[in-house]
Amino acid sequence: MVTQPGHSAVIRTPDQRIRVFVSSTLRELAEERDAARSAIERLRLAPVMFELGARPHPPRDLYRSYLAQSDVFIGIYGASYGWIAPDEDVSGLEDEYNLACARISSTDHVLWCGGEAAPMLCTGPRSPHR
């Protein structure tokens, strides 16, 4: 494996699959979320998805922890901005996106924007103007 000077390569053991965090509202784009999960699993990667259910942790702490442990970020967005929790300034979706952009390399993200307009797939470096 080739590495650049000053950078060490990460060689994962077989039990450590690349984790792919999927960000979207749960209801609005359910079919697209299901398709993303299936595609991620077909690639033998590990989908990291925030689904409903009782948990001992607050939602914000949970998705932030999941995101911190993920290697790739996929945003699937439509018309819904998501829910803004009390004492927060942005929705969980925007928080996930902002955290991912601050944490991962500019080329390790995929955004799918659908809704009423024609769907589009955006990859590569993040625009400084979102």
Foldseek 3Di string as FASTA:
>chain_A
DDDDPPDDDDDDDPVDFAEEEEFEDCPPPVVVVVVVCVVCVVVVHHYDYDDDDDDPDPPLVVSVVSLVPHQAYEYEYEDDQADADPPGDGHSRVVSVVVNLVPYDQQRYKYWYPYPDHIDIDGGGDDPVD
